Each structure stands twice: as structure tokens, then as C-alpha cells.
Amino acid sequence: TPYFIQVDEDMILHPDAVHRMEQAMTQAPAEVGMICFHLYDEDRECLIQGIKIYRTDLMKRLMFRDLKASEMNLLDQMGEQGIRWILHPDVLGRHGTQYTPDT
């Protein structure tokens, strides 16, 4: 697949979210490896940087690490490799609305 999307169990996406994310990535320059979209966080009552789509070919060079600040580490790795990312203004769903006993 040319793209992959990071989704957590406590995210509820709008029905067209994946389509909109793929469209944005298709239109982005080739050096963009990630686009982050907002979610509305129910607990915090505000927007968060919540749902991300990645360009698979660029991200193969990087490693998701088991760290407390793993996403910050990933952004550092992207910067070292010259991979750009975009914070998109669209809100594509909600966060913090559904929980399981494990969470």
C-alpha cells in the first residue's frame, strides 16, 4: 500500500476521513512523509493533533521506537532524513469517546 494510517482504539473517524487523508497525501509533494489531521478530544474539549497518514516508501527508512515520546522521536528521525510533514487544518473525527476495560 502506498500509505498507512495510524489509528488508536479511542478514535471515531468521520465516514469520509480515509478518503480525505488519501487525497491530501496524493496532492502533497513527494518529500512529505506524514500528514497529521485534527480530532476533537471529548475529554479535553478541544482539538488535538490526532490522526496521521504516512507515505509508506519514505517511512520504511525509519523505526517506530518503544519510547515515552515515540512520536517526537519519529519526527526527529524524519527531520534527519529530510522527510517533511504537514499539520492539516481539517478535523476528521473525535478522540476519547470510546474505551475498553483495558484502556
N, C-alpha and C. Protein backbone atom coordinates (compact mmCIF):
# COMPACT_ATOMS: atom_id res chain seq x y z
N THR A 1 0.84 -1.18 0.00
CA THR A 1 0.00 0.00 0.00
C THR A 1 0.88 1.24 0.00
N PRO A 2 0.50 2.27 -0.73
CA PRO A 2 1.34 3.47 -0.77
C PRO A 2 1.27 4.29 0.52
N TYR A 3 0.21 4.10 1.31
CA TYR A 3 0.03 4.86 2.55
C TYR A 3 -0.44 3.94 3.67
N PHE A 4 -0.15 4.35 4.90
CA PHE A 4 -0.77 3.69 6.05
C PHE A 4 -1.21 4.76 7.03
N ILE A 5 -2.21 4.42 7.83
CA ILE A 5 -2.83 5.36 8.76
C ILE A 5 -2.70 4.83 10.17
N GLN A 6 -2.27 5.69 11.08
CA GLN A 6 -2.15 5.34 12.49
C GLN A 6 -3.48 5.64 13.17
N VAL A 7 -4.18 4.59 13.63
CA VAL A 7 -5.48 4.74 14.28
C VAL A 7 -5.41 4.07 15.64
N ASP A 8 -5.90 4.74 16.66
CA ASP A 8 -5.99 4.18 18.01
C ASP A 8 -7.42 3.77 18.29
N GLU A 9 -7.61 2.91 19.27
CA GLU A 9 -8.94 2.38 19.56
C GLU A 9 -9.92 3.42 20.09
N ASP A 10 -9.42 4.54 20.56
CA ASP A 10 -10.31 5.57 21.10
C ASP A 10 -10.59 6.70 20.11
N MET A 11 -10.42 6.41 18.81
CA MET A 11 -10.71 7.37 17.75
C MET A 11 -11.98 6.94 17.01
N ILE A 12 -12.84 7.90 16.76
CA ILE A 12 -14.01 7.69 15.92
C ILE A 12 -13.85 8.63 14.73
N LEU A 13 -13.67 8.07 13.53
CA LEU A 13 -13.42 8.89 12.34
C LEU A 13 -14.71 9.19 11.60
N HIS A 14 -14.72 10.34 10.94
CA HIS A 14 -15.83 10.67 10.05
C HIS A 14 -15.84 9.66 8.90
N PRO A 15 -17.01 9.39 8.31
CA PRO A 15 -17.08 8.38 7.23
C PRO A 15 -16.16 8.65 6.05
N ASP A 16 -15.86 9.90 5.76
CA ASP A 16 -15.00 10.23 4.61
C ASP A 16 -13.55 10.51 5.01
N ALA A 17 -13.18 10.23 6.24
CA ALA A 17 -11.84 10.59 6.74
C ALA A 17 -10.72 9.95 5.94
N VAL A 18 -10.80 8.66 5.70
CA VAL A 18 -9.71 7.97 4.98
C VAL A 18 -9.58 8.53 3.57
N HIS A 19 -10.69 8.73 2.91
CA HIS A 19 -10.67 9.29 1.55
C HIS A 19 -10.01 10.67 1.54
N ARG A 20 -10.38 11.52 2.49
CA ARG A 20 -9.81 12.87 2.56
C ARG A 20 -8.32 12.83 2.87
N MET A 21 -7.92 11.91 3.73
CA MET A 21 -6.49 11.78 4.05
C MET A 21 -5.70 11.32 2.83
N GLU A 22 -6.22 10.33 2.12
CA GLU A 22 -5.54 9.85 0.91
C GLU A 22 -5.45 10.95 -0.14
N GLN A 23 -6.51 11.72 -0.31
CA GLN A 23 -6.49 12.83 -1.27
C GLN A 23 -5.41 13.84 -0.91
N ALA A 24 -5.33 14.20 0.36
CA ALA A 24 -4.32 15.17 0.80
C ALA A 24 -2.92 14.65 0.56
N MET A 25 -2.68 13.37 0.84
CA MET A 25 -1.35 12.80 0.65
C MET A 25 -1.01 12.71 -0.84
N THR A 26 -1.99 12.36 -1.66
CA THR A 26 -1.76 12.29 -3.10
C THR A 26 -1.36 13.64 -3.67
N GLN A 27 -1.92 14.71 -3.12
CA GLN A 27 -1.63 16.06 -3.61
C GLN A 27 -0.36 16.66 -2.98
N ALA A 28 0.16 16.04 -1.94
CA ALA A 28 1.34 16.57 -1.25
C ALA A 28 2.61 16.30 -2.06
N PRO A 29 3.61 17.15 -1.90
CA PRO A 29 4.90 16.89 -2.55
C PRO A 29 5.49 15.54 -2.12
N ALA A 30 6.31 14.97 -2.97
CA ALA A 30 6.86 13.62 -2.75
C ALA A 30 7.69 13.51 -1.48
N GLU A 31 8.25 14.62 -0.98
CA GLU A 31 9.09 14.55 0.22
C GLU A 31 8.28 14.61 1.52
N VAL A 32 6.95 14.71 1.40
CA VAL A 32 6.09 14.70 2.59
C VAL A 32 5.81 13.24 2.97
N GLY A 33 6.26 12.88 4.16
CA GLY A 33 6.09 11.51 4.63
C GLY A 33 4.92 11.32 5.57
N MET A 34 4.39 12.42 6.12
CA MET A 34 3.29 12.31 7.07
C MET A 34 2.43 13.57 7.02
N ILE A 35 1.11 13.35 7.10
CA ILE A 35 0.17 14.46 7.27
C ILE A 35 -0.65 14.14 8.51
N CYS A 36 -0.69 15.09 9.42
CA CYS A 36 -1.43 14.95 10.67
C CYS A 36 -2.69 15.80 10.59
N PHE A 37 -3.83 15.17 10.90
CA PHE A 37 -5.12 15.85 10.92
C PHE A 37 -5.60 15.95 12.36
N HIS A 38 -6.50 16.86 12.60
CA HIS A 38 -7.03 17.06 13.94
C HIS A 38 -8.19 16.11 14.24
N LEU A 39 -8.37 15.87 15.53
CA LEU A 39 -9.55 15.21 16.08
C LEU A 39 -10.07 16.10 17.20
N TYR A 40 -11.36 16.02 17.46
CA TYR A 40 -11.91 16.73 18.61
C TYR A 40 -11.83 15.79 19.81
N ASP A 41 -11.12 16.21 20.85
CA ASP A 41 -10.96 15.40 22.05
C ASP A 41 -12.10 15.70 23.02
N GLU A 42 -12.90 14.69 23.30
CA GLU A 42 -14.07 14.86 24.17
C GLU A 42 -13.67 15.20 25.60
N ASP A 43 -12.63 14.56 26.11
CA ASP A 43 -12.21 14.80 27.49
C ASP A 43 -11.64 16.20 27.69
N ARG A 44 -10.82 16.64 26.77
CA ARG A 44 -10.18 17.95 26.88
C ARG A 44 -11.04 19.08 26.33
N GLU A 45 -12.07 18.72 25.56
CA GLU A 45 -12.95 19.69 24.92
C GLU A 45 -12.19 20.66 24.02
N CYS A 46 -11.28 20.09 23.21
CA CYS A 46 -10.50 20.89 22.28
C CYS A 46 -9.99 20.00 21.14
N LEU A 47 -9.42 20.65 20.13
CA LEU A 47 -8.81 19.90 19.03
C LEU A 47 -7.44 19.39 19.44
N ILE A 48 -7.10 18.20 18.94
CA ILE A 48 -5.76 17.64 19.15
C ILE A 48 -5.19 17.22 17.80
N GLN A 49 -3.89 17.10 17.75
CA GLN A 49 -3.23 16.56 16.56
C GLN A 49 -3.33 15.05 16.68
N GLY A 50 -4.34 14.46 16.03
CA GLY A 50 -4.68 13.11 16.39
C GLY A 50 -4.55 12.00 15.39
N ILE A 51 -4.85 12.20 14.12
CA ILE A 51 -4.86 11.09 13.17
C ILE A 51 -3.85 11.39 12.07
N LYS A 52 -3.03 10.38 11.74
CA LYS A 52 -1.91 10.61 10.83
C LYS A 52 -1.93 9.60 9.69
N ILE A 53 -1.60 10.09 8.49
CA ILE A 53 -1.39 9.24 7.34
C ILE A 53 0.08 9.35 6.95
N TYR A 54 0.69 8.22 6.62
CA TYR A 54 2.12 8.17 6.30
C TYR A 54 2.32 7.65 4.88
N ARG A 55 3.36 8.14 4.22
CA ARG A 55 3.78 7.63 2.90
C ARG A 55 4.72 6.45 3.15
N THR A 56 4.30 5.28 2.81
CA THR A 56 5.00 4.04 3.16
C THR A 56 6.45 4.03 2.70
N ASP A 57 6.71 4.40 1.45
CA ASP A 57 8.09 4.33 0.93
C ASP A 57 9.07 5.16 1.75
N LEU A 58 8.67 6.36 2.15
CA LEU A 58 9.57 7.21 2.94
C LEU A 58 9.73 6.69 4.37
N MET A 59 8.67 6.16 4.93
CA MET A 59 8.71 5.74 6.33
C MET A 59 9.45 4.42 6.53
N LYS A 60 9.71 3.67 5.48
CA LYS A 60 10.46 2.42 5.60
C LYS A 60 11.88 2.66 6.13
N ARG A 61 12.40 3.86 5.93
CA ARG A 61 13.75 4.20 6.40
C ARG A 61 13.81 4.46 7.90
N LEU A 62 12.65 4.60 8.53
CA LEU A 62 12.58 4.99 9.93
C LEU A 62 12.13 3.84 10.81
N MET A 63 12.26 4.03 12.13
CA MET A 63 11.87 2.98 13.06
C MET A 63 10.96 3.58 14.15
N PHE A 64 9.80 2.96 14.31
CA PHE A 64 8.94 3.32 15.43
C PHE A 64 9.55 2.69 16.67
N ARG A 65 9.90 3.49 17.65
CA ARG A 65 10.58 3.00 18.84
C ARG A 65 9.65 3.02 20.04
N ASP A 66 9.90 2.09 20.96
CA ASP A 66 9.10 1.99 22.19
C ASP A 66 9.66 2.96 23.22
N LEU A 67 9.28 4.22 23.06
CA LEU A 67 9.75 5.28 23.94
C LEU A 67 8.55 6.05 24.48
N LYS A 68 8.75 6.74 25.57
CA LYS A 68 7.67 7.56 26.12
C LYS A 68 7.25 8.65 25.13
N ALA A 69 8.19 9.22 24.42
CA ALA A 69 7.92 10.27 23.43
C ALA A 69 8.18 9.72 22.03
N SER A 70 7.57 8.59 21.70
CA SER A 70 7.87 7.90 20.44
C SER A 70 7.52 8.75 19.21
N GLU A 71 6.44 9.52 19.27
CA GLU A 71 6.09 10.33 18.11
C GLU A 71 7.07 11.48 17.92
N MET A 72 7.58 12.04 19.00
CA MET A 72 8.59 13.10 18.88
C MET A 72 9.88 12.51 18.30
N ASN A 73 10.22 11.30 18.72
CA ASN A 73 11.39 10.63 18.18
C ASN A 73 11.23 10.38 16.68
N LEU A 74 10.02 9.99 16.28
CA LEU A 74 9.76 9.75 14.87
C LEU A 74 9.92 11.05 14.07
N LEU A 75 9.43 12.16 14.60
CA LEU A 75 9.60 13.45 13.92
C LEU A 75 11.08 13.82 13.82
N ASP A 76 11.86 13.53 14.86
CA ASP A 76 13.31 13.77 14.81
C ASP A 76 13.95 12.95 13.69
N GLN A 77 13.58 11.67 13.61
CA GLN A 77 14.12 10.81 12.55
C GLN A 77 13.74 11.33 11.16
N MET A 78 12.50 11.77 11.03
CA MET A 78 12.06 12.32 9.75
C MET A 78 12.90 13.53 9.37
N GLY A 79 13.14 14.42 10.33
CA GLY A 79 13.96 15.60 10.07
C GLY A 79 15.37 15.24 9.64
N GLU A 80 15.95 14.23 10.29
CA GLU A 80 17.31 13.79 9.94
C GLU A 80 17.37 13.24 8.52
N GLN A 81 16.28 12.68 8.03
CA GLN A 81 16.23 12.08 6.69
C GLN A 81 15.72 13.06 5.63
N GLY A 82 15.37 14.28 6.04
CA GLY A 82 14.84 15.25 5.10
C GLY A 82 13.39 14.99 4.69
N ILE A 83 12.68 14.23 5.52
CA ILE A 83 11.28 13.92 5.25
C ILE A 83 10.43 14.99 5.93
N ARG A 84 9.56 15.62 5.15
CA ARG A 84 8.71 16.68 5.67
C ARG A 84 7.39 16.13 6.19
N TRP A 85 6.72 16.93 7.01
CA TRP A 85 5.38 16.56 7.47
C TRP A 85 4.52 17.82 7.47
N ILE A 86 3.22 17.61 7.43
CA ILE A 86 2.26 18.71 7.35
C ILE A 86 1.23 18.55 8.46
N LEU A 87 0.91 19.66 9.12
CA LEU A 87 -0.21 19.69 10.05
C LEU A 87 -1.39 20.26 9.27
N HIS A 88 -2.36 19.42 8.96
CA HIS A 88 -3.52 19.80 8.15
C HIS A 88 -4.60 20.39 9.05
N PRO A 89 -5.32 21.41 8.61
CA PRO A 89 -6.32 22.05 9.48
C PRO A 89 -7.62 21.27 9.66
N ASP A 90 -7.90 20.28 8.81
CA ASP A 90 -9.19 19.59 8.88
C ASP A 90 -9.34 18.75 10.14
N VAL A 91 -10.56 18.69 10.64
CA VAL A 91 -10.93 17.85 11.79
C VAL A 91 -11.66 16.64 11.22
N LEU A 92 -11.10 15.45 11.45
CA LEU A 92 -11.62 14.24 10.80
C LEU A 92 -12.30 13.26 11.74
N GLY A 93 -12.59 13.67 12.95
CA GLY A 93 -13.29 12.76 13.85
C GLY A 93 -13.16 13.21 15.29
N ARG A 94 -13.39 12.23 16.18
CA ARG A 94 -13.36 12.51 17.62
C ARG A 94 -12.39 11.56 18.31
N HIS A 95 -11.92 11.99 19.46
CA HIS A 95 -10.97 11.21 20.26
C HIS A 95 -11.49 11.15 21.68
N GLY A 96 -11.26 10.01 22.34
CA GLY A 96 -11.61 9.88 23.74
C GLY A 96 -13.08 9.64 24.00
N THR A 97 -13.77 9.04 23.02
CA THR A 97 -15.21 8.82 23.19
C THR A 97 -15.55 7.37 23.53
N GLN A 98 -14.65 6.44 23.23
CA GLN A 98 -14.90 5.02 23.45
C GLN A 98 -13.71 4.41 24.18
N TYR A 99 -13.99 3.61 25.18
CA TYR A 99 -12.93 2.95 25.94
C TYR A 99 -13.28 1.49 26.15
N THR A 100 -12.25 0.68 26.24
CA THR A 100 -12.43 -0.73 26.59
C THR A 100 -11.95 -0.92 28.02
N PRO A 101 -12.25 -2.06 28.65
CA PRO A 101 -11.75 -2.29 30.02
C PRO A 101 -10.22 -2.19 30.13
N ASP A 102 -9.48 -2.55 29.06
CA ASP A 102 -8.02 -2.47 29.11
C ASP A 102 -7.50 -1.04 29.11
N THR A 103 -8.25 -0.13 28.51
CA THR A 103 -7.76 1.26 28.45
C THR A 103 -8.24 2.08 29.61
